[in-house]
Amino acid sequence: MEGLYYRAKRLKKDILVTDIQPGFVNTYMAKGDGKFWVATPEKAAMQMYNAIKNKKKRVYITKRWWLIAQLLKWMPGFLYNKIG
């Protein structure tokens, strides 16, 4: 994803890429019991729209999923592999 952004910049193209990282959105695809931090489709769509409108490079849907992303980023490999 980052490569596309830098390639467009180098070629002086007016392209902005927004990396949208969704958590759980309450759709037919999100089935099962015990869903964790589920967003409504309307809330997810509004956050995506605002991120694109405000030219954000990366956005987590919902914003609280940023915390999970940070924890996974710093988690030791052996622990990450056990939960995956």
N, C-alpha and C. Protein backbone atom coordinates (compact mmCIF):
# COMPACT_ATOMS: atom_id res chain seq x y z
N MET A 1 0.82 -1.19 0.00
CA MET A 1 0.00 0.00 0.00
C MET A 1 0.87 1.25 0.00
N GLU A 2 1.87 1.26 0.83
CA GLU A 2 2.76 2.42 0.90
C GLU A 2 3.45 2.66 -0.44
N GLY A 3 3.82 1.58 -1.13
CA GLY A 3 4.52 1.70 -2.40
C GLY A 3 3.70 2.46 -3.44
N LEU A 4 2.39 2.20 -3.48
CA LEU A 4 1.52 2.89 -4.42
C LEU A 4 1.50 4.39 -4.15
N TYR A 5 1.42 4.76 -2.89
CA TYR A 5 1.40 6.18 -2.51
C TYR A 5 2.68 6.88 -2.96
N TYR A 6 3.82 6.28 -2.68
CA TYR A 6 5.10 6.91 -3.04
C TYR A 6 5.33 6.93 -4.54
N ARG A 7 4.85 5.89 -5.24
CA ARG A 7 4.99 5.87 -6.69
C ARG A 7 4.17 7.01 -7.32
N ALA A 8 2.93 7.21 -6.83
CA ALA A 8 2.09 8.30 -7.34
C ALA A 8 2.72 9.66 -7.04
N LYS A 9 3.30 9.78 -5.86
CA LYS A 9 3.95 11.04 -5.48
C LYS A 9 5.17 11.31 -6.37
N ARG A 10 5.97 10.29 -6.62
CA ARG A 10 7.16 10.43 -7.45
C ARG A 10 6.79 10.82 -8.88
N LEU A 11 5.67 10.29 -9.37
CA LEU A 11 5.22 10.62 -10.72
C LEU A 11 4.41 11.91 -10.77
N LYS A 12 4.31 12.57 -9.61
CA LYS A 12 3.57 13.83 -9.47
C LYS A 12 2.11 13.68 -9.88
N LYS A 13 1.52 12.56 -9.48
CA LYS A 13 0.10 12.31 -9.71
C LYS A 13 -0.68 12.72 -8.47
N ASP A 14 -1.85 13.26 -8.68
CA ASP A 14 -2.69 13.70 -7.56
C ASP A 14 -3.55 12.53 -7.08
N ILE A 15 -2.89 11.55 -6.45
CA ILE A 15 -3.57 10.35 -5.97
C ILE A 15 -3.29 10.22 -4.48
N LEU A 16 -4.34 9.97 -3.72
CA LEU A 16 -4.17 9.71 -2.29
C LEU A 16 -4.80 8.36 -1.98
N VAL A 17 -4.06 7.53 -1.30
CA VAL A 17 -4.54 6.21 -0.91
C VAL A 17 -4.85 6.23 0.58
N THR A 18 -6.05 5.81 0.94
CA THR A 18 -6.44 5.70 2.34
C THR A 18 -6.50 4.22 2.69
N ASP A 19 -5.67 3.80 3.63
CA ASP A 19 -5.63 2.41 4.09
C ASP A 19 -6.69 2.27 5.18
N ILE A 20 -7.81 1.62 4.85
CA ILE A 20 -8.91 1.45 5.80
C ILE A 20 -8.79 0.07 6.42
N GLN A 21 -8.64 0.03 7.74
CA GLN A 21 -8.48 -1.21 8.48
C GLN A 21 -9.71 -1.42 9.36
N PRO A 22 -10.68 -2.16 8.85
CA PRO A 22 -11.92 -2.32 9.61
C PRO A 22 -11.80 -3.38 10.69
N GLY A 23 -12.46 -3.11 11.79
CA GLY A 23 -12.64 -4.13 12.82
C GLY A 23 -13.88 -4.90 12.43
N PHE A 24 -14.77 -5.15 13.38
CA PHE A 24 -16.00 -5.87 13.07
C PHE A 24 -17.11 -4.88 12.76
N VAL A 25 -17.76 -5.09 11.63
CA VAL A 25 -18.91 -4.29 11.23
C VAL A 25 -20.11 -5.23 11.19
N ASN A 26 -21.21 -4.83 11.75
CA ASN A 26 -22.38 -5.69 11.88
C ASN A 26 -23.08 -5.87 10.53
N THR A 27 -22.56 -6.81 9.74
CA THR A 27 -23.13 -7.16 8.44
C THR A 27 -23.43 -8.65 8.45
N TYR A 28 -23.97 -9.15 7.33
CA TYR A 28 -24.26 -10.58 7.23
C TYR A 28 -22.98 -11.41 7.27
N MET A 29 -21.86 -10.82 6.92
CA MET A 29 -20.58 -11.54 6.95
C MET A 29 -20.06 -11.72 8.36
N ALA A 30 -20.46 -10.85 9.28
CA ALA A 30 -20.00 -10.92 10.67
C ALA A 30 -20.98 -11.75 11.49
N LYS A 31 -20.87 -13.04 11.36
CA LYS A 31 -21.78 -13.94 12.04
C LYS A 31 -21.17 -14.46 13.33
N GLY A 32 -22.01 -14.97 14.18
CA GLY A 32 -21.52 -15.63 15.38
C GLY A 32 -21.88 -14.89 16.66
N ASP A 33 -21.68 -15.59 17.75
CA ASP A 33 -21.95 -15.02 19.07
C ASP A 33 -20.69 -14.39 19.62
N GLY A 34 -20.83 -13.51 20.57
CA GLY A 34 -19.69 -12.92 21.25
C GLY A 34 -18.88 -11.98 20.37
N LYS A 35 -19.55 -11.24 19.50
CA LYS A 35 -18.84 -10.26 18.68
C LYS A 35 -18.28 -9.17 19.58
N PHE A 36 -17.10 -8.72 19.25
CA PHE A 36 -16.35 -7.79 20.10
C PHE A 36 -16.21 -6.44 19.41
N TRP A 37 -16.68 -5.37 20.03
CA TRP A 37 -16.55 -4.00 19.49
C TRP A 37 -17.10 -3.90 18.08
N VAL A 38 -18.35 -4.28 17.91
CA VAL A 38 -18.99 -4.27 16.60
C VAL A 38 -19.54 -2.89 16.30
N ALA A 39 -19.28 -2.40 15.09
CA ALA A 39 -19.79 -1.10 14.65
C ALA A 39 -21.00 -1.31 13.76
N THR A 40 -21.90 -0.35 13.77
CA THR A 40 -23.01 -0.39 12.83
C THR A 40 -22.47 -0.05 11.43
N PRO A 41 -23.11 -0.55 10.40
CA PRO A 41 -22.65 -0.19 9.04
C PRO A 41 -22.66 1.33 8.81
N GLU A 42 -23.64 2.02 9.38
CA GLU A 42 -23.72 3.47 9.21
C GLU A 42 -22.53 4.17 9.85
N LYS A 43 -22.16 3.75 11.07
CA LYS A 43 -21.03 4.35 11.77
C LYS A 43 -19.72 4.07 11.02
N ALA A 44 -19.56 2.82 10.57
CA ALA A 44 -18.35 2.45 9.83
C ALA A 44 -18.25 3.26 8.53
N ALA A 45 -19.36 3.38 7.82
CA ALA A 45 -19.36 4.13 6.56
C ALA A 45 -19.03 5.60 6.80
N MET A 46 -19.57 6.18 7.86
CA MET A 46 -19.30 7.58 8.15
C MET A 46 -17.83 7.80 8.50
N GLN A 47 -17.24 6.89 9.28
CA GLN A 47 -15.83 7.02 9.62
C GLN A 47 -14.95 6.85 8.37
N MET A 48 -15.32 5.94 7.48
CA MET A 48 -14.57 5.78 6.23
C MET A 48 -14.67 7.03 5.37
N TYR A 49 -15.89 7.54 5.24
CA TYR A 49 -16.10 8.75 4.45
C TYR A 49 -15.28 9.92 4.99
N ASN A 50 -15.32 10.12 6.30
CA ASN A 50 -14.58 11.23 6.91
C ASN A 50 -13.07 11.06 6.73
N ALA A 51 -12.58 9.84 6.82
CA ALA A 51 -11.15 9.59 6.64
C ALA A 51 -10.71 9.94 5.22
N ILE A 52 -11.52 9.54 4.24
CA ILE A 52 -11.19 9.85 2.85
C ILE A 52 -11.29 11.35 2.60
N LYS A 53 -12.36 11.96 3.11
CA LYS A 53 -12.56 13.40 2.94
C LYS A 53 -11.42 14.20 3.56
N ASN A 54 -10.93 13.75 4.72
CA ASN A 54 -9.85 14.46 5.43
C ASN A 54 -8.46 14.01 5.00
N LYS A 55 -8.40 13.18 3.95
CA LYS A 55 -7.14 12.73 3.35
C LYS A 55 -6.21 12.04 4.34
N LYS A 56 -6.79 11.16 5.15
CA LYS A 56 -6.00 10.37 6.10
C LYS A 56 -5.28 9.25 5.35
N LYS A 57 -4.08 8.92 5.80
CA LYS A 57 -3.35 7.81 5.19
C LYS A 57 -3.86 6.47 5.68
N ARG A 58 -4.21 6.38 6.96
CA ARG A 58 -4.67 5.12 7.55
C ARG A 58 -5.76 5.44 8.57
N VAL A 59 -6.77 4.58 8.60
CA VAL A 59 -7.85 4.73 9.57
C VAL A 59 -8.29 3.35 10.04
N TYR A 60 -8.61 3.27 11.31
CA TYR A 60 -9.12 2.03 11.91
C TYR A 60 -10.62 2.23 12.16
N ILE A 61 -11.41 1.24 11.76
CA ILE A 61 -12.86 1.31 11.91
C ILE A 61 -13.26 0.23 12.91
N THR A 62 -13.80 0.61 14.00
CA THR A 62 -13.94 1.90 14.65
C THR A 62 -12.60 2.32 15.23
N LYS A 63 -12.57 3.55 15.67
CA LYS A 63 -11.31 4.14 16.12
C LYS A 63 -10.66 3.35 17.26
N ARG A 64 -11.46 2.68 18.06
CA ARG A 64 -10.89 1.93 19.19
C ARG A 64 -10.06 0.73 18.74
N TRP A 65 -10.23 0.28 17.48
CA TRP A 65 -9.42 -0.82 16.97
C TRP A 65 -7.96 -0.42 16.80
N TRP A 66 -7.68 0.87 16.84
CA TRP A 66 -6.29 1.34 16.82
C TRP A 66 -5.53 0.72 17.98
N LEU A 67 -6.17 0.62 19.14
CA LEU A 67 -5.54 0.03 20.32
C LEU A 67 -5.14 -1.43 20.06
N ILE A 68 -6.03 -2.20 19.47
CA ILE A 68 -5.73 -3.60 19.16
C ILE A 68 -4.57 -3.68 18.17
N ALA A 69 -4.57 -2.81 17.17
CA ALA A 69 -3.49 -2.81 16.17
C ALA A 69 -2.15 -2.52 16.83
N GLN A 70 -2.12 -1.60 17.78
CA GLN A 70 -0.87 -1.28 18.47
C GLN A 70 -0.39 -2.44 19.31
N LEU A 71 -1.32 -3.11 20.00
CA LEU A 71 -0.94 -4.27 20.80
C LEU A 71 -0.38 -5.40 19.93
N LEU A 72 -1.02 -5.65 18.78
CA LEU A 72 -0.53 -6.70 17.88
C LEU A 72 0.83 -6.34 17.29
N LYS A 73 1.04 -5.07 17.05
CA LYS A 73 2.30 -4.61 16.48
C LYS A 73 3.48 -4.89 17.41
N TRP A 74 3.26 -4.76 18.71
CA TRP A 74 4.34 -4.93 19.68
C TRP A 74 4.35 -6.30 20.34
N MET A 75 3.40 -7.15 19.97
CA MET A 75 3.31 -8.48 20.56
C MET A 75 4.45 -9.37 20.05
N PRO A 76 5.09 -10.11 20.94
CA PRO A 76 6.14 -11.03 20.49
C PRO A 76 5.58 -12.06 19.51
N GLY A 77 6.41 -12.47 18.56
CA GLY A 77 5.99 -13.39 17.50
C GLY A 77 5.39 -14.68 18.00
N PHE A 78 5.98 -15.27 19.04
CA PHE A 78 5.46 -16.56 19.52
C PHE A 78 4.04 -16.43 20.07
N LEU A 79 3.70 -15.28 20.68
CA LEU A 79 2.34 -15.07 21.16
C LEU A 79 1.38 -14.80 20.00
N TYR A 80 1.83 -13.98 19.06
CA TYR A 80 1.01 -13.65 17.89
C TYR A 80 0.66 -14.93 17.12
N ASN A 81 1.61 -15.82 16.96
CA ASN A 81 1.37 -17.06 16.23
C ASN A 81 0.38 -17.97 16.95
N LYS A 82 0.33 -17.90 18.28
CA LYS A 82 -0.60 -18.73 19.05
C LYS A 82 -2.04 -18.26 18.87
N ILE A 83 -2.26 -16.95 18.72
CA ILE A 83 -3.64 -16.46 18.58
C ILE A 83 -4.10 -16.50 17.13
N GLY A 84 -3.17 -16.62 16.17
CA GLY A 84 -3.52 -16.60 14.74
C GLY A 84 -3.91 -17.90 14.28
